[in-house]
């Protein structure tokens, strides 16, 4: 399902700091803009409640899950809340395996090729290249030469509508979007406007790469 969602739109919404009372409206604004993967980082207020509410509010073709997942016990809590994807800042094989045993997609955070191949060996579905500011398009290009072509490389960290194109040209499959898309205090309307800008920039990169 992750591959299908990423084919629809390669952008993942990271709603760090979101509250349960606002999550459904913001999730719907993101979905209407075109997003099909939304994560609630576990260091947000009442994250499992937000995941439950998002899952109930959105269509089945939108994947809902958690970010900043650090332990196998958290994987179980995300699953119980209706989550379908585990996103991690690190590459802990136990957490990856727990996600896969729970029939969930998993995108661990990796910063070196050694971590990347270890994560794939543990069952990772996609690779979160984190932090993107540190790695840059040059590293994406080098990784793309050796990482299997069907494995999504997803830079996360400091991504804006203006800096996506060089990453896509280097071989990035999509992006995780944080504070440039959502930060606490923004209304659903404001998040929707940000989402539209990102979607337009993403589509522009796809036209250039398909020529």
N, C-alpha and C. Protein backbone atom coordinates (compact mmCIF):
# COMPACT_ATOMS: atom_id res chain seq x y z
N UNK A 1 0.83 -1.21 0.00
CA UNK A 1 0.00 0.00 0.00
C UNK A 1 0.86 1.26 0.00
N UNK A 2 2.02 1.21 0.65
CA UNK A 2 2.88 2.39 0.67
C UNK A 2 3.33 2.74 -0.74
N UNK A 3 3.70 1.72 -1.51
CA UNK A 3 4.16 1.98 -2.88
C UNK A 3 3.05 2.66 -3.70
N UNK A 4 1.82 2.17 -3.54
CA UNK A 4 0.70 2.75 -4.28
C UNK A 4 0.45 4.19 -3.83
N UNK A 5 0.51 4.43 -2.53
CA UNK A 5 0.30 5.79 -2.00
C UNK A 5 1.38 6.74 -2.51
N UNK A 6 2.62 6.25 -2.54
CA UNK A 6 3.73 7.09 -3.00
C UNK A 6 3.66 7.35 -4.50
N UNK A 7 3.08 6.40 -5.24
CA UNK A 7 2.90 6.62 -6.68
C UNK A 7 1.88 7.72 -6.93
N UNK A 8 0.87 7.77 -6.08
CA UNK A 8 -0.13 8.83 -6.20
C UNK A 8 0.49 10.19 -5.89
N UNK A 9 1.26 10.23 -4.81
CA UNK A 9 1.92 11.47 -4.39
C UNK A 9 3.11 11.09 -3.52
N UNK A 10 4.29 11.56 -3.89
CA UNK A 10 5.50 11.18 -3.17
C UNK A 10 5.76 11.97 -1.90
N UNK A 11 4.79 12.73 -1.44
CA UNK A 11 4.98 13.59 -0.27
C UNK A 11 4.31 13.00 0.96
N UNK A 12 5.05 12.99 2.06
CA UNK A 12 4.54 12.49 3.35
C UNK A 12 4.41 13.66 4.31
N UNK A 13 3.23 13.83 4.87
CA UNK A 13 2.98 14.92 5.81
C UNK A 13 3.40 14.50 7.22
N UNK A 14 4.21 15.34 7.86
CA UNK A 14 4.67 15.08 9.23
C UNK A 14 4.01 16.12 10.14
N UNK A 15 3.06 15.69 10.96
CA UNK A 15 2.27 16.62 11.77
C UNK A 15 2.79 16.67 13.20
N UNK A 16 4.02 17.13 13.35
CA UNK A 16 4.63 17.19 14.68
C UNK A 16 3.98 18.29 15.53
N UNK A 17 3.46 17.90 16.69
CA UNK A 17 2.84 18.85 17.59
C UNK A 17 1.35 19.02 17.40
N UNK A 18 0.76 18.22 16.49
CA UNK A 18 -0.68 18.34 16.24
C UNK A 18 -1.48 17.86 17.45
N UNK A 19 -2.67 18.44 17.64
CA UNK A 19 -3.54 18.05 18.74
C UNK A 19 -4.75 17.28 18.20
N UNK A 20 -5.30 16.38 19.02
CA UNK A 20 -6.46 15.60 18.56
C UNK A 20 -7.63 16.46 18.10
N UNK A 21 -7.84 17.62 18.72
CA UNK A 21 -9.02 18.43 18.38
C UNK A 21 -8.91 19.10 17.01
N UNK A 22 -7.73 19.11 16.41
CA UNK A 22 -7.55 19.76 15.10
C UNK A 22 -7.13 18.79 14.00
N UNK A 23 -6.84 17.56 14.39
CA UNK A 23 -6.18 16.65 13.44
C UNK A 23 -7.08 16.24 12.28
N UNK A 24 -8.37 16.05 12.53
CA UNK A 24 -9.25 15.59 11.44
C UNK A 24 -9.37 16.65 10.35
N UNK A 25 -9.57 17.91 10.76
CA UNK A 25 -9.72 18.99 9.76
C UNK A 25 -8.43 19.17 8.96
N UNK A 26 -7.29 19.10 9.62
CA UNK A 26 -6.01 19.27 8.93
C UNK A 26 -5.74 18.06 8.03
N UNK A 27 -6.06 16.87 8.52
CA UNK A 27 -5.90 15.67 7.70
C UNK A 27 -6.74 15.73 6.43
N UNK A 28 -7.98 16.22 6.55
CA UNK A 28 -8.84 16.33 5.37
C UNK A 28 -8.30 17.36 4.38
N UNK A 29 -7.74 18.46 4.90
CA UNK A 29 -7.16 19.48 4.01
C UNK A 29 -5.97 18.90 3.24
N UNK A 30 -5.16 18.10 3.91
CA UNK A 30 -4.01 17.45 3.26
C UNK A 30 -4.48 16.45 2.21
N UNK A 31 -5.48 15.66 2.56
CA UNK A 31 -6.01 14.67 1.62
C UNK A 31 -6.57 15.34 0.37
N UNK A 32 -7.33 16.41 0.57
CA UNK A 32 -7.92 17.11 -0.57
C UNK A 32 -6.84 17.72 -1.47
N UNK A 33 -5.73 18.12 -0.88
CA UNK A 33 -4.62 18.67 -1.68
C UNK A 33 -3.92 17.58 -2.49
N UNK A 34 -4.01 16.32 -2.02
CA UNK A 34 -3.39 15.22 -2.76
C UNK A 34 -2.50 14.30 -1.95
N UNK A 35 -2.30 14.61 -0.66
CA UNK A 35 -1.45 13.75 0.18
C UNK A 35 -2.14 12.41 0.44
N UNK A 36 -1.33 11.34 0.47
CA UNK A 36 -1.87 10.01 0.75
C UNK A 36 -1.08 9.28 1.85
N UNK A 37 -0.12 9.94 2.47
CA UNK A 37 0.58 9.38 3.64
C UNK A 37 0.72 10.50 4.67
N UNK A 38 0.19 10.25 5.87
CA UNK A 38 0.24 11.25 6.94
C UNK A 38 0.74 10.58 8.21
N UNK A 39 1.75 11.19 8.84
CA UNK A 39 2.28 10.63 10.08
C UNK A 39 2.13 11.63 11.23
N UNK A 40 1.82 11.07 12.39
CA UNK A 40 1.77 11.85 13.63
C UNK A 40 2.97 11.44 14.48
N UNK A 41 3.97 12.30 14.63
CA UNK A 41 5.11 11.95 15.48
C UNK A 41 4.66 11.69 16.92
N UNK A 42 5.28 10.70 17.54
CA UNK A 42 4.84 10.29 18.87
C UNK A 42 5.21 11.29 19.97
N UNK A 43 6.01 12.31 19.64
CA UNK A 43 6.26 13.35 20.63
C UNK A 43 5.29 14.53 20.47
N UNK A 44 4.13 14.24 19.86
CA UNK A 44 3.03 15.19 19.78
C UNK A 44 2.07 14.93 20.94
N UNK A 45 1.19 15.89 21.27
CA UNK A 45 0.21 15.66 22.34
C UNK A 45 -0.77 14.55 21.97
N UNK A 46 -0.95 13.57 22.84
CA UNK A 46 -1.91 12.47 22.63
C UNK A 46 -1.85 11.90 21.21
N UNK A 47 -0.68 11.42 20.80
CA UNK A 47 -0.51 11.00 19.40
C UNK A 47 -1.39 9.83 18.99
N UNK A 48 -1.62 8.89 19.90
CA UNK A 48 -2.40 7.71 19.52
C UNK A 48 -3.87 8.09 19.29
N UNK A 49 -4.36 9.05 20.06
CA UNK A 49 -5.72 9.54 19.84
C UNK A 49 -5.81 10.24 18.48
N UNK A 50 -4.78 11.03 18.14
CA UNK A 50 -4.76 11.71 16.84
C UNK A 50 -4.73 10.70 15.70
N UNK A 51 -3.95 9.63 15.86
CA UNK A 51 -3.90 8.59 14.82
C UNK A 51 -5.27 7.94 14.66
N UNK A 52 -5.94 7.64 15.78
CA UNK A 52 -7.28 7.04 15.72
C UNK A 52 -8.25 7.96 14.97
N UNK A 53 -8.21 9.24 15.32
CA UNK A 53 -9.13 10.20 14.70
C UNK A 53 -8.82 10.39 13.21
N UNK A 54 -7.55 10.43 12.86
CA UNK A 54 -7.17 10.56 11.44
C UNK A 54 -7.66 9.36 10.64
N UNK A 55 -7.43 8.18 11.19
CA UNK A 55 -7.83 6.96 10.48
C UNK A 55 -9.34 6.93 10.25
N UNK A 56 -10.09 7.40 11.24
CA UNK A 56 -11.54 7.42 11.11
C UNK A 56 -12.02 8.47 10.12
N UNK A 57 -11.26 9.56 9.98
CA UNK A 57 -11.71 10.70 9.18
C UNK A 57 -11.37 10.58 7.70
N UNK A 58 -10.35 9.77 7.37
CA UNK A 58 -9.83 9.77 6.01
C UNK A 58 -10.17 8.50 5.25
N UNK A 59 -10.16 8.60 3.93
CA UNK A 59 -10.46 7.46 3.07
C UNK A 59 -9.40 6.38 3.23
N UNK A 60 -9.78 5.16 2.85
CA UNK A 60 -8.89 4.01 3.04
C UNK A 60 -7.62 4.09 2.22
N UNK A 61 -7.63 4.89 1.13
CA UNK A 61 -6.43 4.97 0.30
C UNK A 61 -5.39 5.94 0.86
N UNK A 62 -5.65 6.52 2.02
CA UNK A 62 -4.67 7.38 2.69
C UNK A 62 -4.06 6.61 3.85
N UNK A 63 -2.75 6.44 3.83
CA UNK A 63 -2.05 5.75 4.92
C UNK A 63 -1.84 6.69 6.09
N UNK A 64 -2.18 6.21 7.27
CA UNK A 64 -2.01 6.97 8.50
C UNK A 64 -1.07 6.19 9.41
N UNK A 65 -0.16 6.90 10.05
CA UNK A 65 0.75 6.20 10.95
C UNK A 65 1.48 7.14 11.87
N UNK A 66 2.61 6.70 12.36
CA UNK A 66 3.35 7.44 13.38
C UNK A 66 4.78 7.68 12.97
N UNK A 67 5.30 8.82 13.40
CA UNK A 67 6.72 9.11 13.26
C UNK A 67 7.38 9.16 14.63
N UNK A 68 8.69 9.27 14.63
CA UNK A 68 9.48 9.27 15.87
C UNK A 68 9.16 8.04 16.72
N UNK A 69 9.04 6.89 16.04
CA UNK A 69 8.80 5.63 16.74
C UNK A 69 10.15 5.05 17.16
N UNK A 70 10.30 4.81 18.45
CA UNK A 70 11.61 4.44 18.99
C UNK A 70 11.68 3.04 19.58
N UNK A 71 10.54 2.38 19.78
CA UNK A 71 10.56 1.10 20.47
C UNK A 71 9.51 0.15 19.90
N UNK A 72 9.69 -1.13 20.18
CA UNK A 72 8.73 -2.14 19.72
C UNK A 72 7.38 -1.97 20.41
N UNK A 73 7.39 -1.52 21.67
CA UNK A 73 6.12 -1.32 22.38
C UNK A 73 5.32 -0.20 21.72
N UNK A 74 6.01 0.83 21.22
CA UNK A 74 5.30 1.90 20.52
C UNK A 74 4.71 1.40 19.21
N UNK A 75 5.39 0.48 18.54
CA UNK A 75 4.85 -0.11 17.31
C UNK A 75 3.48 -0.73 17.61
N UNK A 76 3.40 -1.48 18.71
CA UNK A 76 2.14 -2.13 19.08
C UNK A 76 1.05 -1.10 19.37
N UNK A 77 1.42 -0.01 20.03
CA UNK A 77 0.44 1.04 20.33
C UNK A 77 -0.07 1.72 19.06
N UNK A 78 0.83 1.94 18.12
CA UNK A 78 0.42 2.54 16.83
C UNK A 78 -0.54 1.61 16.10
N UNK A 79 -0.21 0.33 16.08
CA UNK A 79 -1.07 -0.66 15.44
C UNK A 79 -2.46 -0.66 16.08
N UNK A 80 -2.50 -0.63 17.41
CA UNK A 80 -3.78 -0.64 18.12
C UNK A 80 -4.61 0.61 17.83
N UNK A 81 -3.93 1.71 17.50
CA UNK A 81 -4.63 2.96 17.19
C UNK A 81 -5.11 3.02 15.74
N UNK A 82 -4.77 1.99 14.96
CA UNK A 82 -5.18 1.95 13.56
C UNK A 82 -4.12 2.40 12.58
N UNK A 83 -2.89 2.62 13.07
CA UNK A 83 -1.81 3.06 12.21
C UNK A 83 -1.36 1.98 11.23
N UNK A 84 -0.86 2.41 10.08
CA UNK A 84 -0.44 1.47 9.03
C UNK A 84 1.01 1.65 8.61
N UNK A 85 1.65 2.70 9.11
CA UNK A 85 3.05 2.92 8.75
C UNK A 85 3.83 3.42 9.97
N UNK A 86 5.03 2.89 10.11
CA UNK A 86 5.96 3.27 11.17
C UNK A 86 7.11 4.03 10.54
N UNK A 87 7.32 5.27 10.98
CA UNK A 87 8.44 6.08 10.52
C UNK A 87 9.35 6.35 11.72
N UNK A 88 10.64 6.17 11.51
CA UNK A 88 11.60 6.24 12.61
C UNK A 88 12.70 7.26 12.29
N UNK A 89 13.28 7.88 13.32
CA UNK A 89 14.42 8.76 13.08
C UNK A 89 15.73 7.98 12.95
N UNK A 90 15.67 6.70 13.36
CA UNK A 90 16.87 5.87 13.39
C UNK A 90 16.59 4.55 12.67
N UNK A 91 17.53 3.62 12.77
CA UNK A 91 17.43 2.37 12.02
C UNK A 91 17.64 1.18 12.94
N UNK A 92 16.73 0.99 13.88
CA UNK A 92 16.78 -0.11 14.84
C UNK A 92 16.11 -1.33 14.23
N UNK A 93 16.90 -2.38 14.00
CA UNK A 93 16.37 -3.58 13.35
C UNK A 93 15.21 -4.21 14.10
N UNK A 94 15.23 -4.16 15.43
CA UNK A 94 14.13 -4.73 16.21
C UNK A 94 12.82 -4.01 15.95
N UNK A 95 12.88 -2.69 15.86
CA UNK A 95 11.67 -1.91 15.61
C UNK A 95 11.16 -2.17 14.19
N UNK A 96 12.08 -2.23 13.22
CA UNK A 96 11.68 -2.54 11.84
C UNK A 96 10.99 -3.90 11.77
N UNK A 97 11.60 -4.90 12.40
CA UNK A 97 11.02 -6.25 12.36
C UNK A 97 9.67 -6.29 13.06
N UNK A 98 9.53 -5.55 14.16
CA UNK A 98 8.25 -5.50 14.87
C UNK A 98 7.16 -4.90 13.98
N UNK A 99 7.52 -3.86 13.24
CA UNK A 99 6.56 -3.24 12.33
C UNK A 99 6.12 -4.23 11.25
N UNK A 100 7.08 -4.94 10.68
CA UNK A 100 6.75 -5.88 9.62
C UNK A 100 5.95 -7.08 10.15
N UNK A 101 6.27 -7.53 11.37
CA UNK A 101 5.49 -8.62 11.97
C UNK A 101 4.05 -8.19 12.23
N UNK A 102 3.85 -6.88 12.44
CA UNK A 102 2.51 -6.34 12.67
C UNK A 102 1.82 -5.98 11.35
N UNK A 103 2.43 -6.36 10.23
CA UNK A 103 1.87 -6.10 8.89
C UNK A 103 1.75 -4.61 8.60
N UNK A 104 2.74 -3.85 9.05
CA UNK A 104 2.76 -2.41 8.79
C UNK A 104 3.94 -2.06 7.91
N UNK A 105 3.80 -0.99 7.15
CA UNK A 105 4.93 -0.48 6.38
C UNK A 105 5.91 0.19 7.34
N UNK A 106 7.19 0.24 6.94
CA UNK A 106 8.19 0.84 7.81
C UNK A 106 9.21 1.62 7.00
N UNK A 107 9.44 2.87 7.44
CA UNK A 107 10.43 3.74 6.80
C UNK A 107 11.39 4.24 7.87
N UNK A 108 12.49 3.50 8.11
CA UNK A 108 13.46 3.92 9.12
C UNK A 108 14.35 5.06 8.63
N UNK A 109 14.88 5.81 9.57
CA UNK A 109 15.81 6.88 9.25
C UNK A 109 17.22 6.35 9.10
N UNK A 110 17.88 6.72 8.01
CA UNK A 110 19.24 6.26 7.75
C UNK A 110 20.08 7.43 7.26
N UNK A 111 21.36 7.41 7.61
CA UNK A 111 22.26 8.49 7.20
C UNK A 111 23.52 7.97 6.50
N UNK A 112 23.67 6.63 6.46
CA UNK A 112 24.81 6.03 5.77
C UNK A 112 24.32 4.83 4.97
N UNK A 113 25.11 4.41 3.98
CA UNK A 113 24.74 3.23 3.20
C UNK A 113 24.75 1.97 4.04
N UNK A 114 25.64 1.90 5.01
CA UNK A 114 25.67 0.73 5.90
C UNK A 114 24.34 0.61 6.64
N UNK A 115 23.86 1.74 7.17
CA UNK A 115 22.55 1.73 7.85
C UNK A 115 21.44 1.38 6.86
N UNK A 116 21.55 1.91 5.65
CA UNK A 116 20.51 1.69 4.65
C UNK A 116 20.36 0.20 4.32
N UNK A 117 21.47 -0.46 4.05
CA UNK A 117 21.39 -1.88 3.69
C UNK A 117 21.00 -2.75 4.88
N UNK A 118 21.41 -2.36 6.09
CA UNK A 118 20.97 -3.09 7.29
C UNK A 118 19.47 -2.95 7.48
N UNK A 119 18.95 -1.76 7.22
CA UNK A 119 17.51 -1.53 7.35
C UNK A 119 16.74 -2.36 6.33
N UNK A 120 17.24 -2.42 5.11
CA UNK A 120 16.58 -3.22 4.08
C UNK A 120 16.62 -4.70 4.44
N UNK A 121 17.73 -5.14 5.00
CA UNK A 121 17.83 -6.54 5.41
C UNK A 121 16.84 -6.88 6.52
N UNK A 122 16.51 -5.88 7.34
CA UNK A 122 15.56 -6.09 8.43
C UNK A 122 14.11 -6.00 7.96
N UNK A 123 13.91 -5.56 6.70
CA UNK A 123 12.57 -5.53 6.14
C UNK A 123 12.01 -4.17 5.81
N UNK A 124 12.82 -3.13 5.86
CA UNK A 124 12.33 -1.78 5.59
C UNK A 124 11.69 -1.69 4.21
N UNK A 125 10.61 -0.93 4.12
CA UNK A 125 9.90 -0.74 2.84
C UNK A 125 10.44 0.45 2.07
N UNK A 126 10.91 1.45 2.78
CA UNK A 126 11.44 2.67 2.17
C UNK A 126 12.50 3.22 3.11
N UNK A 127 13.35 4.10 2.61
CA UNK A 127 14.45 4.65 3.41
C UNK A 127 14.26 6.15 3.58
N UNK A 128 14.16 6.56 4.83
CA UNK A 128 14.06 7.98 5.17
C UNK A 128 15.48 8.52 5.30
N UNK A 129 15.90 9.33 4.35
CA UNK A 129 17.25 9.90 4.38
C UNK A 129 17.22 11.14 5.28
N UNK A 130 17.81 10.99 6.46
CA UNK A 130 17.67 12.02 7.49
C UNK A 130 19.00 12.28 8.18
N UNK A 131 19.37 13.56 8.35
CA UNK A 131 18.69 14.76 7.88
C UNK A 131 19.09 15.15 6.46
N UNK A 132 18.09 15.54 5.67
CA UNK A 132 18.32 15.86 4.26
C UNK A 132 19.27 17.03 4.08
N UNK A 133 19.22 17.99 5.02
CA UNK A 133 20.11 19.16 4.90
C UNK A 133 21.58 18.73 4.93
N UNK A 134 21.87 17.72 5.73
CA UNK A 134 23.25 17.24 5.87
C UNK A 134 23.66 16.37 4.68
N UNK A 135 22.72 15.55 4.19
CA UNK A 135 23.06 14.59 3.13
C UNK A 135 23.09 15.26 1.76
N UNK A 136 22.03 15.97 1.41
CA UNK A 136 22.01 16.72 0.15
C UNK A 136 21.83 15.86 -1.09
N UNK A 137 21.56 16.49 -2.23
CA UNK A 137 21.34 15.76 -3.49
C UNK A 137 22.53 14.92 -3.93
N UNK A 138 23.74 15.35 -3.60
CA UNK A 138 24.93 14.59 -4.03
C UNK A 138 24.92 13.19 -3.43
N UNK A 139 24.54 13.10 -2.15
CA UNK A 139 24.47 11.80 -1.48
C UNK A 139 23.31 10.98 -2.04
N UNK A 140 22.18 11.63 -2.31
CA UNK A 140 21.05 10.91 -2.92
C UNK A 140 21.48 10.26 -4.22
N UNK A 141 22.20 10.98 -5.04
CA UNK A 141 22.65 10.45 -6.34
C UNK A 141 23.58 9.26 -6.15
N UNK A 142 24.50 9.36 -5.19
CA UNK A 142 25.43 8.25 -4.93
C UNK A 142 24.69 7.02 -4.42
N UNK A 143 23.73 7.21 -3.53
CA UNK A 143 22.94 6.09 -3.01
C UNK A 143 22.10 5.45 -4.11
N UNK A 144 21.51 6.29 -4.96
CA UNK A 144 20.62 5.77 -5.99
C UNK A 144 21.34 4.81 -6.92
N UNK A 145 22.66 4.99 -7.06
CA UNK A 145 23.45 4.13 -7.93
C UNK A 145 23.57 2.70 -7.38
N UNK A 146 23.39 2.53 -6.07
CA UNK A 146 23.61 1.21 -5.48
C UNK A 146 22.39 0.64 -4.73
N UNK A 147 21.47 1.50 -4.30
CA UNK A 147 20.24 1.02 -3.66
C UNK A 147 19.31 0.48 -4.74
N UNK A 148 18.64 -0.66 -4.52
CA UNK A 148 17.73 -1.20 -5.54
C UNK A 148 16.73 -0.14 -6.03
N UNK A 149 16.49 -0.16 -7.33
CA UNK A 149 15.68 0.89 -7.96
C UNK A 149 14.26 0.95 -7.42
N UNK A 150 13.74 -0.19 -6.91
CA UNK A 150 12.35 -0.19 -6.42
C UNK A 150 12.24 0.25 -4.96
N UNK A 151 13.34 0.60 -4.34
CA UNK A 151 13.33 1.09 -2.95
C UNK A 151 13.24 2.62 -2.96
N UNK A 152 12.23 3.15 -2.31
CA UNK A 152 12.04 4.60 -2.27
C UNK A 152 13.08 5.26 -1.36
N UNK A 153 13.72 6.30 -1.87
CA UNK A 153 14.60 7.15 -1.07
C UNK A 153 13.83 8.44 -0.76
N UNK A 154 13.64 8.72 0.52
CA UNK A 154 12.77 9.81 0.93
C UNK A 154 13.54 10.78 1.84
N UNK A 155 14.13 11.84 1.28
CA UNK A 155 14.80 12.84 2.12
C UNK A 155 13.81 13.54 3.05
N UNK A 156 14.26 13.77 4.29
CA UNK A 156 13.44 14.44 5.29
C UNK A 156 14.32 15.44 6.04
N UNK A 157 13.80 16.64 6.21
CA UNK A 157 14.52 17.64 6.99
C UNK A 157 14.85 18.86 6.17
N UNK A 158 14.16 19.97 6.43
CA UNK A 158 14.45 21.22 5.73
C UNK A 158 13.96 21.29 4.31
N UNK A 159 13.03 20.42 3.93
CA UNK A 159 12.52 20.41 2.55
C UNK A 159 11.45 21.50 2.39
N UNK A 160 11.57 22.29 1.32
CA UNK A 160 10.59 23.32 0.98
C UNK A 160 10.19 23.14 -0.48
N UNK A 161 9.12 23.81 -0.93
CA UNK A 161 8.76 23.71 -2.36
C UNK A 161 9.90 24.15 -3.28
N UNK A 162 10.78 25.02 -2.78
CA UNK A 162 11.84 25.57 -3.63
C UNK A 162 13.08 24.69 -3.77
N UNK A 163 13.26 23.72 -2.86
CA UNK A 163 14.51 22.95 -2.92
C UNK A 163 14.31 21.47 -3.25
N UNK A 164 13.13 21.10 -3.71
CA UNK A 164 12.87 19.69 -4.02
C UNK A 164 13.51 19.24 -5.34
N UNK A 165 13.53 20.13 -6.32
CA UNK A 165 13.94 19.72 -7.67
C UNK A 165 15.32 19.07 -7.74
N UNK A 166 16.36 19.61 -7.09
CA UNK A 166 17.68 18.97 -7.17
C UNK A 166 17.69 17.57 -6.56
N UNK A 167 16.90 17.36 -5.51
CA UNK A 167 16.82 16.03 -4.89
C UNK A 167 16.15 15.04 -5.84
N UNK A 168 15.06 15.47 -6.48
CA UNK A 168 14.36 14.59 -7.42
C UNK A 168 15.26 14.26 -8.61
N UNK A 169 15.98 15.26 -9.11
CA UNK A 169 16.90 15.03 -10.23
C UNK A 169 17.99 14.03 -9.86
N UNK A 170 18.35 14.00 -8.57
CA UNK A 170 19.39 13.08 -8.09
C UNK A 170 18.86 11.68 -7.83
N UNK A 171 17.53 11.53 -7.79
CA UNK A 171 16.95 10.19 -7.60
C UNK A 171 16.05 10.03 -6.41
N UNK A 172 15.70 11.11 -5.72
CA UNK A 172 14.77 11.01 -4.60
C UNK A 172 13.39 10.58 -5.10
N UNK A 173 12.74 9.70 -4.32
CA UNK A 173 11.43 9.17 -4.70
C UNK A 173 10.28 9.99 -4.13
N UNK A 174 10.58 10.80 -3.13
CA UNK A 174 9.56 11.59 -2.45
C UNK A 174 10.21 12.32 -1.29
N UNK A 175 9.39 12.92 -0.43
CA UNK A 175 9.90 13.71 0.69
C UNK A 175 8.99 13.59 1.89
N UNK A 176 9.59 13.70 3.08
CA UNK A 176 8.83 13.90 4.30
C UNK A 176 8.86 15.38 4.62
N UNK A 177 7.69 15.95 4.88
CA UNK A 177 7.57 17.40 5.05
C UNK A 177 7.12 17.74 6.46
N UNK A 178 7.92 18.57 7.13
CA UNK A 178 7.62 18.93 8.50
C UNK A 178 7.11 20.35 8.64
N UNK A 179 7.93 21.20 9.26
CA UNK A 179 7.46 22.53 9.67
C UNK A 179 7.12 23.47 8.52
N UNK A 180 7.66 23.22 7.33
CA UNK A 180 7.28 24.06 6.19
C UNK A 180 5.86 23.76 5.72
N UNK A 181 5.33 22.61 6.13
CA UNK A 181 3.96 22.22 5.78
C UNK A 181 3.00 22.49 6.95
N UNK A 182 3.38 21.97 8.12
CA UNK A 182 2.55 22.14 9.32
C UNK A 182 3.42 22.47 10.52
N UNK A 183 2.97 23.43 11.29
CA UNK A 183 3.53 23.64 12.62
C UNK A 183 2.39 24.07 13.53
N UNK A 184 2.52 23.80 14.83
CA UNK A 184 1.43 24.11 15.75
C UNK A 184 0.99 25.57 15.63
N UNK A 185 -0.32 25.76 15.62
CA UNK A 185 -0.87 27.10 15.51
C UNK A 185 -1.45 27.41 14.14
N UNK A 186 -1.06 26.63 13.13
CA UNK A 186 -1.61 26.85 11.79
C UNK A 186 -3.02 26.27 11.69
N UNK A 187 -3.90 26.98 11.01
CA UNK A 187 -5.25 26.47 10.79
C UNK A 187 -5.26 25.46 9.65
N UNK A 188 -6.37 24.72 9.55
CA UNK A 188 -6.50 23.75 8.46
C UNK A 188 -6.41 24.46 7.11
N UNK A 189 -6.96 25.67 7.03
CA UNK A 189 -6.91 26.43 5.77
C UNK A 189 -5.47 26.79 5.41
N UNK A 190 -4.68 27.21 6.42
CA UNK A 190 -3.28 27.56 6.16
C UNK A 190 -2.48 26.33 5.75
N UNK A 191 -2.71 25.21 6.43
CA UNK A 191 -2.02 23.97 6.07
C UNK A 191 -2.41 23.54 4.66
N UNK A 192 -3.68 23.71 4.32
CA UNK A 192 -4.14 23.38 2.97
C UNK A 192 -3.43 24.21 1.91
N UNK A 193 -3.22 25.50 2.20
CA UNK A 193 -2.50 26.36 1.26
C UNK A 193 -1.05 25.90 1.10
N UNK A 194 -0.41 25.60 2.24
CA UNK A 194 0.97 25.07 2.18
C UNK A 194 1.01 23.78 1.37
N UNK A 195 0.02 22.92 1.62
CA UNK A 195 -0.03 21.63 0.92
C UNK A 195 -0.16 21.84 -0.59
N UNK A 196 -1.00 22.78 -0.99
CA UNK A 196 -1.17 23.06 -2.42
C UNK A 196 0.15 23.50 -3.06
N UNK A 197 0.92 24.32 -2.33
CA UNK A 197 2.21 24.78 -2.85
C UNK A 197 3.18 23.61 -3.03
N UNK A 198 3.21 22.73 -2.03
CA UNK A 198 4.09 21.56 -2.12
C UNK A 198 3.67 20.63 -3.27
N UNK A 199 2.37 20.40 -3.39
CA UNK A 199 1.87 19.52 -4.45
C UNK A 199 2.21 20.08 -5.83
N UNK A 200 2.04 21.40 -5.99
CA UNK A 200 2.36 22.03 -7.28
C UNK A 200 3.85 21.88 -7.59
N UNK A 201 4.70 22.09 -6.58
CA UNK A 201 6.15 21.96 -6.78
C UNK A 201 6.52 20.51 -7.08
N UNK A 202 5.88 19.57 -6.38
CA UNK A 202 6.15 18.15 -6.61
C UNK A 202 5.77 17.77 -8.04
N UNK A 203 4.60 18.19 -8.48
CA UNK A 203 4.16 17.84 -9.84
C UNK A 203 5.09 18.43 -10.88
N UNK A 204 5.60 19.63 -10.61
CA UNK A 204 6.54 20.25 -11.54
C UNK A 204 7.82 19.42 -11.66
N UNK A 205 8.29 18.86 -10.55
CA UNK A 205 9.50 18.02 -10.61
C UNK A 205 9.23 16.74 -11.40
N UNK A 206 8.02 16.22 -11.30
CA UNK A 206 7.69 14.99 -12.02
C UNK A 206 7.62 15.21 -13.51
N UNK A 207 7.15 16.38 -13.92
CA UNK A 207 7.11 16.70 -15.37
C UNK A 207 8.53 16.78 -15.92
N UNK A 208 9.42 17.38 -15.13
CA UNK A 208 10.80 17.52 -15.61
C UNK A 208 11.50 16.18 -15.70
N UNK A 209 11.21 15.27 -14.74
CA UNK A 209 11.92 13.99 -14.75
C UNK A 209 11.35 13.04 -15.80
N UNK A 210 10.11 13.28 -16.23
CA UNK A 210 9.50 12.34 -17.19
C UNK A 210 9.77 12.75 -18.64
N UNK A 211 10.34 13.92 -18.83
CA UNK A 211 10.62 14.38 -20.21
C UNK A 211 11.77 13.58 -20.81
